[in-house]
């Protein structure tokens, strides 16, 4: 059975496209050959590629904005007897009595 080839497409800036094309031309390589080599190395678990990716991911995560959750304190001004009633209800509901 013949292997069906699939197209892999992604988008990047025009500047990156031009720089990549020029660099690959200097190195005597086509874009297709370059990406096939990278994908093959990644799939084979080449440690040079995975190490680079790990470093890039760690760097990108450190630049990501952090969401800080602020706890909001709520004061209910309950009487002691009302608090006891709440605990009694919880105990009854959970069969703790």
Foldseek 3Di string as FASTA:
>chain_A
DDDDDDDDDDDDDPVVVVVVCVVCVVVVHDPVVVVVVLVVCVVVVPVVNVVVVVVVVVVVVVPDDDDDDDDDDDDPPDDPVVVVVVVVVVCVVVVVD
